[in-house]
Amino acid sequence: MLRVLRVGAEVLGLDPTFPLKFMIYFLIVVSVGGTTTITGPLLAALLLGIADVAGKYYVPKLGAFIVFVLMIAILLWRPQGLFTREARR
């Protein structure tokens, strides 16, 4: 196990700010997916991940911006997130 972690650290280049690089993506996934079920963030992560890779592949200059545009569009369409439970009265 230790050997696997060591190889991964050499590939990823861990540094003290490593978690901060991905913190914004975590917040985007949770806000788009909703917080009431695990299905929402899972599907939001898949959707945003595919959009991120496709955007960086097809439009390299605007690739990283695609995730933010998609987040804004989804949150304008459904402000509570993609998958939320109905409010009970």
PDB file of N, CA and C in Angstrom:
ATOM      1  N   MET A   1       0.828  -1.187   0.000  1.00  0.00           N
ATOM      2  CA  MET A   1       0.000   0.000   0.000  1.00  0.00           C
ATOM      3  C   MET A   1       0.871   1.249   0.000  1.00  0.00           C
ATOM      4  N   LEU A   2       1.903   1.262   0.796  1.00  0.00           N
ATOM      5  CA  LEU A   2       2.778   2.416   0.867  1.00  0.00           C
ATOM      6  C   LEU A   2       3.457   2.670  -0.474  1.00  0.00           C
ATOM      7  N   ARG A   3       3.817   1.603  -1.165  1.00  0.00           N
ATOM      8  CA  ARG A   3       4.464   1.743  -2.459  1.00  0.00           C
ATOM      9  C   ARG A   3       3.516   2.376  -3.481  1.00  0.00           C
ATOM     10  N   VAL A   4       2.251   2.014  -3.436  1.00  0.00           N
ATOM     11  CA  VAL A   4       1.269   2.587  -4.358  1.00  0.00           C
ATOM     12  C   VAL A   4       1.104   4.076  -4.085  1.00  0.00           C
ATOM     13  N   LEU A   5       1.041   4.476  -2.829  1.00  0.00           N
ATOM     14  CA  LEU A   5       0.911   5.886  -2.492  1.00  0.00           C
ATOM     15  C   LEU A   5       2.137   6.671  -2.943  1.00  0.00           C
ATOM     16  N   ARG A   6       3.294   6.081  -2.806  1.00  0.00           N
ATOM     17  CA  ARG A   6       4.509   6.759  -3.201  1.00  0.00           C
ATOM     18  C   ARG A   6       4.549   6.983  -4.721  1.00  0.00           C
ATOM     19  N   VAL A   7       4.113   6.007  -5.487  1.00  0.00           N
ATOM     20  CA  VAL A   7       4.082   6.156  -6.942  1.00  0.00           C
ATOM     21  C   VAL A   7       3.057   7.216  -7.341  1.00  0.00           C
ATOM     22  N   GLY A   8       1.899   7.223  -6.683  1.00  0.00           N
ATOM     23  CA  GLY A   8       0.881   8.231  -6.976  1.00  0.00           C
ATOM     24  C   GLY A   8       1.351   9.630  -6.648  1.00  0.00           C
ATOM     25  N   ALA A   9       2.103   9.777  -5.566  1.00  0.00           N
ATOM     26  CA  ALA A   9       2.614  11.092  -5.188  1.00  0.00           C
ATOM     27  C   ALA A   9       3.615  11.601  -6.217  1.00  0.00           C
ATOM     28  N   GLU A  10       4.379  10.711  -6.803  1.00  0.00           N
ATOM     29  CA  GLU A  10       5.327  11.125  -7.822  1.00  0.00           C
ATOM     30  C   GLU A  10       4.620  11.569  -9.100  1.00  0.00           C
ATOM     31  N   VAL A  11       3.503  10.945  -9.409  1.00  0.00           N
ATOM     32  CA  VAL A  11       2.765  11.300 -10.614  1.00  0.00           C
ATOM     33  C   VAL A  11       1.994  12.606 -10.413  1.00  0.00           C
ATOM     34  N   LEU A  12       1.322  12.743  -9.267  1.00  0.00           N
ATOM     35  CA  LEU A  12       0.476  13.908  -9.034  1.00  0.00           C
ATOM     36  C   LEU A  12       1.238  15.127  -8.543  1.00  0.00           C
ATOM     37  N   GLY A  13       2.364  14.934  -7.928  1.00  0.00           N
ATOM     38  CA  GLY A  13       3.110  16.060  -7.404  1.00  0.00           C
ATOM     39  C   GLY A  13       2.413  16.725  -6.242  1.00  0.00           C
ATOM     40  N   LEU A  14       2.289  16.034  -5.121  1.00  0.00           N
ATOM     41  CA  LEU A  14       1.589  16.575  -3.959  1.00  0.00           C
ATOM     42  C   LEU A  14       2.344  17.753  -3.356  1.00  0.00           C
ATOM     43  N   ASP A  15       1.596  18.741  -2.939  1.00  0.00           N
ATOM     44  CA  ASP A  15       2.149  19.878  -2.238  1.00  0.00           C
ATOM     45  C   ASP A  15       1.105  20.340  -1.214  1.00  0.00           C
ATOM     46  N   PRO A  16       1.430  21.261  -0.327  1.00  0.00           N
ATOM     47  CA  PRO A  16       0.471  21.660   0.710  1.00  0.00           C
ATOM     48  C   PRO A  16      -0.817  22.284   0.174  1.00  0.00           C
ATOM     49  N   THR A  17      -0.799  22.828  -1.014  1.00  0.00           N
ATOM     50  CA  THR A  17      -2.011  23.446  -1.569  1.00  0.00           C
ATOM     51  C   THR A  17      -2.798  22.488  -2.464  1.00  0.00           C
ATOM     52  N   PHE A  18      -2.453  21.222  -2.468  1.00  0.00           N
ATOM     53  CA  PHE A  18      -3.101  20.247  -3.346  1.00  0.00           C
ATOM     54  C   PHE A  18      -4.623  20.215  -3.167  1.00  0.00           C
ATOM     55  N   PRO A  19      -5.172  20.155  -1.931  1.00  0.00           N
ATOM     56  CA  PRO A  19      -6.632  20.111  -1.808  1.00  0.00           C
ATOM     57  C   PRO A  19      -7.323  21.383  -2.290  1.00  0.00           C
ATOM     58  N   LEU A  20      -6.671  22.507  -2.199  1.00  0.00           N
ATOM     59  CA  LEU A  20      -7.291  23.766  -2.605  1.00  0.00           C
ATOM     60  C   LEU A  20      -7.531  23.828  -4.105  1.00  0.00           C
ATOM     61  N   LYS A  21      -6.747  23.090  -4.881  1.00  0.00           N
ATOM     62  CA  LYS A  21      -6.921  23.082  -6.330  1.00  0.00           C
ATOM     63  C   LYS A  21      -8.261  22.479  -6.737  1.00  0.00           C
ATOM     64  N   PHE A  22      -8.737  21.531  -5.938  1.00  0.00           N
ATOM     65  CA  PHE A  22      -9.963  20.824  -6.292  1.00  0.00           C
ATOM     66  C   PHE A  22     -11.150  21.215  -5.428  1.00  0.00           C
ATOM     67  N   MET A  23     -10.961  22.101  -4.464  1.00  0.00           N
ATOM     68  CA  MET A  23     -12.040  22.508  -3.569  1.00  0.00           C
ATOM     69  C   MET A  23     -13.184  23.165  -4.333  1.00  0.00           C
ATOM     70  N   ILE A  24     -12.880  23.984  -5.310  1.00  0.00           N
ATOM     71  CA  ILE A  24     -13.928  24.658  -6.066  1.00  0.00           C
ATOM     72  C   ILE A  24     -14.755  23.649  -6.864  1.00  0.00           C
ATOM     73  N   TYR A  25     -14.107  22.600  -7.380  1.00  0.00           N
ATOM     74  CA  TYR A  25     -14.853  21.563  -8.098  1.00  0.00           C
ATOM     75  C   TYR A  25     -15.763  20.787  -7.155  1.00  0.00           C
ATOM     76  N   PHE A  26     -15.323  20.537  -5.923  1.00  0.00           N
ATOM     77  CA  PHE A  26     -16.178  19.865  -4.940  1.00  0.00           C
ATOM     78  C   PHE A  26     -17.410  20.704  -4.648  1.00  0.00           C
ATOM     79  N   LEU A  27     -17.224  21.991  -4.479  1.00  0.00           N
ATOM     80  CA  LEU A  27     -18.354  22.874  -4.195  1.00  0.00           C
ATOM     81  C   LEU A  27     -19.313  22.968  -5.378  1.00  0.00           C
ATOM     82  N   ILE A  28     -18.780  22.981  -6.587  1.00  0.00           N
ATOM     83  CA  ILE A  28     -19.633  23.025  -7.776  1.00  0.00           C
ATOM     84  C   ILE A  28     -20.463  21.749  -7.890  1.00  0.00           C
ATOM     85  N   VAL A  29     -19.840  20.604  -7.664  1.00  0.00           N
ATOM     86  CA  VAL A  29     -20.550  19.324  -7.773  1.00  0.00           C
ATOM     87  C   VAL A  29     -21.663  19.241  -6.749  1.00  0.00           C
ATOM     88  N   VAL A  30     -21.409  19.646  -5.528  1.00  0.00           N
ATOM     89  CA  VAL A  30     -22.438  19.567  -4.486  1.00  0.00           C
ATOM     90  C   VAL A  30     -23.547  20.574  -4.748  1.00  0.00           C
ATOM     91  N   SER A  31     -23.224  21.760  -5.201  1.00  0.00           N
ATOM     92  CA  SER A  31     -24.271  22.746  -5.454  1.00  0.00           C
ATOM     93  C   SER A  31     -25.125  22.363  -6.662  1.00  0.00           C
ATOM     94  N   VAL A  32     -24.526  21.786  -7.679  1.00  0.00           N
ATOM     95  CA  VAL A  32     -25.298  21.377  -8.860  1.00  0.00           C
ATOM     96  C   VAL A  32     -26.094  20.106  -8.575  1.00  0.00           C
ATOM     97  N   GLY A  33     -25.517  19.171  -7.859  1.00  0.00           N
ATOM     98  CA  GLY A  33     -26.182  17.899  -7.615  1.00  0.00           C
ATOM     99  C   GLY A  33     -27.232  17.927  -6.532  1.00  0.00           C
ATOM    100  N   GLY A  34     -27.134  18.856  -5.610  1.00  0.00           N
ATOM    101  CA  GLY A  34     -28.045  18.885  -4.477  1.00  0.00           C
ATOM    102  C   GLY A  34     -27.433  18.135  -3.302  1.00  0.00           C
ATOM    103  N   THR A  35     -27.961  18.372  -2.126  1.00  0.00           N
ATOM    104  CA  THR A  35     -27.364  17.788  -0.926  1.00  0.00           C
ATOM    105  C   THR A  35     -28.242  16.756  -0.239  1.00  0.00           C
ATOM    106  N   THR A  36     -29.406  16.446  -0.790  1.00  0.00           N
ATOM    107  CA  THR A  36     -30.314  15.541  -0.081  1.00  0.00           C
ATOM    108  C   THR A  36     -30.094  14.073  -0.418  1.00  0.00           C
ATOM    109  N   THR A  37     -29.501  13.769  -1.556  1.00  0.00           N
ATOM    110  CA  THR A  37     -29.247  12.377  -1.921  1.00  0.00           C
ATOM    111  C   THR A  37     -27.814  12.238  -2.414  1.00  0.00           C
ATOM    112  N   ILE A  38     -27.348  11.010  -2.508  1.00  0.00           N
ATOM    113  CA  ILE A  38     -26.016  10.757  -3.059  1.00  0.00           C
ATOM    114  C   ILE A  38     -26.066  10.678  -4.584  1.00  0.00           C
ATOM    115  N   THR A  39     -27.243  10.433  -5.131  1.00  0.00           N
ATOM    116  CA  THR A  39     -27.401  10.326  -6.584  1.00  0.00           C
ATOM    117  C   THR A  39     -27.110  11.647  -7.283  1.00  0.00           C
ATOM    118  N   GLY A  40     -27.550  12.735  -6.703  1.00  0.00           N
ATOM    119  CA  GLY A  40     -27.355  14.044  -7.314  1.00  0.00           C
ATOM    120  C   GLY A  40     -25.899  14.415  -7.511  1.00  0.00           C
ATOM    121  N   PRO A  41     -25.097  14.425  -6.438  1.00  0.00           N
ATOM    122  CA  PRO A  41     -23.679  14.746  -6.627  1.00  0.00           C
ATOM    123  C   PRO A  41     -22.937  13.743  -7.507  1.00  0.00           C
ATOM    124  N   LEU A  42     -23.342  12.473  -7.470  1.00  0.00           N
ATOM    125  CA  LEU A  42     -22.698  11.473  -8.318  1.00  0.00           C
ATOM    126  C   LEU A  42     -22.939  11.792  -9.794  1.00  0.00           C
ATOM    127  N   LEU A  43     -24.178  12.035 -10.156  1.00  0.00           N
ATOM    128  CA  LEU A  43     -24.476  12.352 -11.556  1.00  0.00           C
ATOM    129  C   LEU A  43     -23.950  13.726 -11.952  1.00  0.00           C
ATOM    130  N   ALA A  44     -23.947  14.664 -11.009  1.00  0.00           N
ATOM    131  CA  ALA A  44     -23.367  15.988 -11.309  1.00  0.00           C
ATOM    132  C   ALA A  44     -21.871  15.872 -11.554  1.00  0.00           C
ATOM    133  N   ALA A  45     -21.189  15.034 -10.780  1.00  0.00           N
ATOM    134  CA  ALA A  45     -19.751  14.837 -10.979  1.00  0.00           C
ATOM    135  C   ALA A  45     -19.477  14.217 -12.343  1.00  0.00           C
ATOM    136  N   LEU A  46     -20.286  13.240 -12.729  1.00  0.00           N
ATOM    137  CA  LEU A  46     -20.117  12.635 -14.054  1.00  0.00           C
ATOM    138  C   LEU A  46     -20.389  13.641 -15.160  1.00  0.00           C
ATOM    139  N   LEU A  47     -21.481  14.380 -15.047  1.00  0.00           N
ATOM    140  CA  LEU A  47     -21.843  15.369 -16.062  1.00  0.00           C
ATOM    141  C   LEU A  47     -20.785  16.455 -16.176  1.00  0.00           C
ATOM    142  N   LEU A  48     -20.363  17.002 -15.055  1.00  0.00           N
ATOM    143  CA  LEU A  48     -19.374  18.078 -15.087  1.00  0.00           C
ATOM    144  C   LEU A  48     -17.999  17.571 -15.505  1.00  0.00           C
ATOM    145  N   GLY A  49     -17.657  16.348 -15.118  1.00  0.00           N
ATOM    146  CA  GLY A  49     -16.376  15.780 -15.522  1.00  0.00           C
ATOM    147  C   GLY A  49     -16.302  15.553 -17.022  1.00  0.00           C
ATOM    148  N   ILE A  50     -17.370  15.013 -17.582  1.00  0.00           N
ATOM    149  CA  ILE A  50     -17.405  14.793 -19.026  1.00  0.00           C
ATOM    150  C   ILE A  50     -17.384  16.129 -19.768  1.00  0.00           C
ATOM    151  N   ALA A  51     -18.139  17.106 -19.260  1.00  0.00           N
ATOM    152  CA  ALA A  51     -18.151  18.426 -19.895  1.00  0.00           C
ATOM    153  C   ALA A  51     -16.780  19.088 -19.792  1.00  0.00           C
ATOM    154  N   ASP A  52     -16.090  18.904 -18.671  1.00  0.00           N
ATOM    155  CA  ASP A  52     -14.770  19.491 -18.481  1.00  0.00           C
ATOM    156  C   ASP A  52     -13.756  18.904 -19.460  1.00  0.00           C
ATOM    157  N   VAL A  53     -13.733  17.583 -19.566  1.00  0.00           N
ATOM    158  CA  VAL A  53     -12.784  16.930 -20.473  1.00  0.00           C
ATOM    159  C   VAL A  53     -13.121  17.247 -21.928  1.00  0.00           C
ATOM    160  N   ALA A  54     -14.401  17.198 -22.282  1.00  0.00           N
ATOM    161  CA  ALA A  54     -14.795  17.500 -23.663  1.00  0.00           C
ATOM    162  C   ALA A  54     -14.498  18.956 -23.999  1.00  0.00           C
ATOM    163  N   GLY A  55     -14.747  19.851 -23.053  1.00  0.00           N
ATOM    164  CA  GLY A  55     -14.462  21.260 -23.303  1.00  0.00           C
ATOM    165  C   GLY A  55     -12.984  21.525 -23.491  1.00  0.00           C
ATOM    166  N   LYS A  56     -12.149  20.879 -22.672  1.00  0.00           N
ATOM    167  CA  LYS A  56     -10.706  21.068 -22.796  1.00  0.00           C
ATOM    168  C   LYS A  56     -10.163  20.413 -24.068  1.00  0.00           C
ATOM    169  N   TYR A  57     -10.837  19.383 -24.556  1.00  0.00           N
ATOM    170  CA  TYR A  57     -10.385  18.705 -25.769  1.00  0.00           C
ATOM    171  C   TYR A  57     -10.798  19.475 -27.025  1.00  0.00           C
ATOM    172  N   TYR A  58     -12.073  19.881 -27.087  1.00  0.00           N
ATOM    173  CA  TYR A  58     -12.581  20.512 -28.300  1.00  0.00           C
ATOM    174  C   TYR A  58     -12.295  22.011 -28.365  1.00  0.00           C
ATOM    175  N   VAL A  59     -12.293  22.689 -27.227  1.00  0.00           N
ATOM    176  CA  VAL A  59     -12.045  24.132 -27.193  1.00  0.00           C
ATOM    177  C   VAL A  59     -10.985  24.399 -26.126  1.00  0.00           C
ATOM    178  N   PRO A  60      -9.724  24.173 -26.416  1.00  0.00           N
ATOM    179  CA  PRO A  60      -8.682  24.269 -25.385  1.00  0.00           C
ATOM    180  C   PRO A  60      -8.581  25.635 -24.712  1.00  0.00           C
ATOM    181  N   LYS A  61      -8.847  26.707 -25.436  1.00  0.00           N
ATOM    182  CA  LYS A  61      -8.724  28.036 -24.840  1.00  0.00           C
ATOM    183  C   LYS A  61      -9.832  28.334 -23.834  1.00  0.00           C
ATOM    184  N   LEU A  62     -11.020  27.778 -24.038  1.00  0.00           N
ATOM    185  CA  LEU A  62     -12.158  28.016 -23.147  1.00  0.00           C
ATOM    186  C   LEU A  62     -12.535  26.777 -22.352  1.00  0.00           C
ATOM    187  N   GLY A  63     -11.733  25.736 -22.385  1.00  0.00           N
ATOM    188  CA  GLY A  63     -12.086  24.456 -21.789  1.00  0.00           C
ATOM    189  C   GLY A  63     -12.401  24.494 -20.315  1.00  0.00           C
ATOM    190  N   ALA A  64     -11.612  25.181 -19.522  1.00  0.00           N
ATOM    191  CA  ALA A  64     -11.845  25.227 -18.079  1.00  0.00           C
ATOM    192  C   ALA A  64     -13.063  26.078 -17.744  1.00  0.00           C
ATOM    193  N   PHE A  65     -13.443  26.963 -18.628  1.00  0.00           N
ATOM    194  CA  PHE A  65     -14.581  27.844 -18.400  1.00  0.00           C
ATOM    195  C   PHE A  65     -15.915  27.135 -18.621  1.00  0.00           C
ATOM    196  N   ILE A  66     -15.908  26.028 -19.368  1.00  0.00           N
ATOM    197  CA  ILE A  66     -17.130  25.283 -19.691  1.00  0.00           C
ATOM    198  C   ILE A  66     -17.836  24.811 -18.425  1.00  0.00           C
ATOM    199  N   VAL A  67     -17.086  24.372 -17.425  1.00  0.00           N
ATOM    200  CA  VAL A  67     -17.675  23.875 -16.178  1.00  0.00           C
ATOM    201  C   VAL A  67     -18.461  24.982 -15.491  1.00  0.00           C
ATOM    202  N   PHE A  68     -17.916  26.173 -15.480  1.00  0.00           N
ATOM    203  CA  PHE A  68     -18.588  27.276 -14.817  1.00  0.00           C
ATOM    204  C   PHE A  68     -19.834  27.712 -15.567  1.00  0.00           C
ATOM    205  N   VAL A  69     -19.781  27.703 -16.888  1.00  0.00           N
ATOM    206  CA  VAL A  69     -20.961  28.045 -17.696  1.00  0.00           C
ATOM    207  C   VAL A  69     -22.057  27.011 -17.491  1.00  0.00           C
ATOM    208  N   LEU A  70     -21.689  25.739 -17.463  1.00  0.00           N
ATOM    209  CA  LEU A  70     -22.669  24.677 -17.234  1.00  0.00           C
ATOM    210  C   LEU A  70     -23.271  24.785 -15.837  1.00  0.00           C
ATOM    211  N   MET A  71     -22.445  25.101 -14.835  1.00  0.00           N
ATOM    212  CA  MET A  71     -22.947  25.270 -13.475  1.00  0.00           C
ATOM    213  C   MET A  71     -23.958  26.409 -13.408  1.00  0.00           C
ATOM    214  N   ILE A  72     -23.648  27.529 -14.018  1.00  0.00           N
ATOM    215  CA  ILE A  72     -24.561  28.669 -13.994  1.00  0.00           C
ATOM    216  C   ILE A  72     -25.864  28.332 -14.706  1.00  0.00           C
ATOM    217  N   ALA A  73     -25.777  27.650 -15.843  1.00  0.00           N
ATOM    218  CA  ALA A  73     -26.986  27.279 -16.584  1.00  0.00           C
ATOM    219  C   ALA A  73     -27.872  26.330 -15.782  1.00  0.00           C
ATOM    220  N   ILE A  74     -27.276  25.336 -15.146  1.00  0.00           N
ATOM    221  CA  ILE A  74     -28.067  24.374 -14.366  1.00  0.00           C
ATOM    222  C   ILE A  74     -28.677  25.043 -13.152  1.00  0.00           C
ATOM    223  N   LEU A  75     -27.929  25.902 -12.470  1.00  0.00           N
ATOM    224  CA  LEU A  75     -28.467  26.555 -11.280  1.00  0.00           C
ATOM    225  C   LEU A  75     -29.505  27.619 -11.618  1.00  0.00           C
ATOM    226  N   LEU A  76     -29.453  28.199 -12.818  1.00  0.00           N
ATOM    227  CA  LEU A  76     -30.536  29.089 -13.241  1.00  0.00           C
ATOM    228  C   LEU A  76     -31.797  28.292 -13.549  1.00  0.00           C
ATOM    229  N   TRP A  77     -31.612  27.102 -14.109  1.00  0.00           N
ATOM    230  CA  TRP A  77     -32.740  26.240 -14.456  1.00  0.00           C
ATOM    231  C   TRP A  77     -33.351  25.606 -13.220  1.00  0.00           C
ATOM    232  N   ARG A  78     -32.514  25.050 -12.334  1.00  0.00           N
ATOM    233  CA  ARG A  78     -32.983  24.409 -11.098  1.00  0.00           C
ATOM    234  C   ARG A  78     -32.132  24.894  -9.927  1.00  0.00           C
ATOM    235  N   PRO A  79     -32.532  25.962  -9.258  1.00  0.00           N
ATOM    236  CA  PRO A  79     -31.708  26.543  -8.194  1.00  0.00           C
ATOM    237  C   PRO A  79     -31.482  25.610  -6.995  1.00  0.00           C
ATOM    238  N   GLN A  80     -32.355  24.640  -6.785  1.00  0.00           N
ATOM    239  CA  GLN A  80     -32.200  23.726  -5.658  1.00  0.00           C
ATOM    240  C   GLN A  80     -31.269  22.562  -5.984  1.00  0.00           C
ATOM    241  N   GLY A  81     -30.813  22.436  -7.201  1.00  0.00           N
ATOM    242  CA  GLY A  81     -29.940  21.340  -7.616  1.00  0.00           C
ATOM    243  C   GLY A  81     -30.684  20.373  -8.516  1.00  0.00           C
ATOM    244  N   LEU A  82     -29.961  19.453  -9.110  1.00  0.00           N
ATOM    245  CA  LEU A  82     -30.580  18.519 -10.044  1.00  0.00           C
ATOM    246  C   LEU A  82     -31.511  17.535  -9.362  1.00  0.00           C
ATOM    247  N   PHE A  83     -31.065  16.941  -8.276  1.00  0.00           N
ATOM    248  CA  PHE A  83     -31.847  15.918  -7.598  1.00  0.00           C
ATOM    249  C   PHE A  83     -32.065  16.325  -6.154  1.00  0.00           C
ATOM    250  N   THR A  84     -33.277  16.789  -5.856  1.00  0.00           N
ATOM    251  CA  THR A  84     -33.633  17.125  -4.484  1.00  0.00           C
ATOM    252  C   THR A  84     -34.968  16.487  -4.162  1.00  0.00           C
ATOM    253  N   ARG A  85     -35.179  16.255  -2.907  1.00  0.00           N
ATOM    254  CA  ARG A  85     -36.458  15.693  -2.473  1.00  0.00           C
ATOM    255  C   ARG A  85     -37.508  16.795  -2.414  1.00  0.00           C
ATOM    256  N   GLU A  86     -38.738  16.404  -2.614  1.00  0.00           N
ATOM    257  CA  GLU A  86     -39.836  17.369  -2.536  1.00  0.00           C
ATOM    258  C   GLU A  86     -40.004  17.830  -1.088  1.00  0.00           C
ATOM    259  N   ALA A  87     -40.354  19.097  -0.916  1.00  0.00           N
ATOM    260  CA  ALA A  87     -40.564  19.636   0.427  1.00  0.00           C
ATOM    261  C   ALA A  87     -41.858  19.076   0.991  1.00  0.00           C
ATOM    262  N   ARG A  88     -41.798  18.617   2.234  1.00  0.00           N
ATOM    263  CA  ARG A  88     -42.998  18.063   2.895  1.00  0.00           C
ATOM    264  C   ARG A  88     -43.677  19.147   3.693  1.00  0.00           C
ATOM    265  N   ARG A  89     -45.007  19.085   3.698  1.00  0.00           N
ATOM    266  CA  ARG A  89     -45.772  20.094   4.454  1.00  0.00           C
ATOM    267  C   ARG A  89     -46.539  19.433   5.553  1.00  0.00           C
TER     268      ARG A  89
END
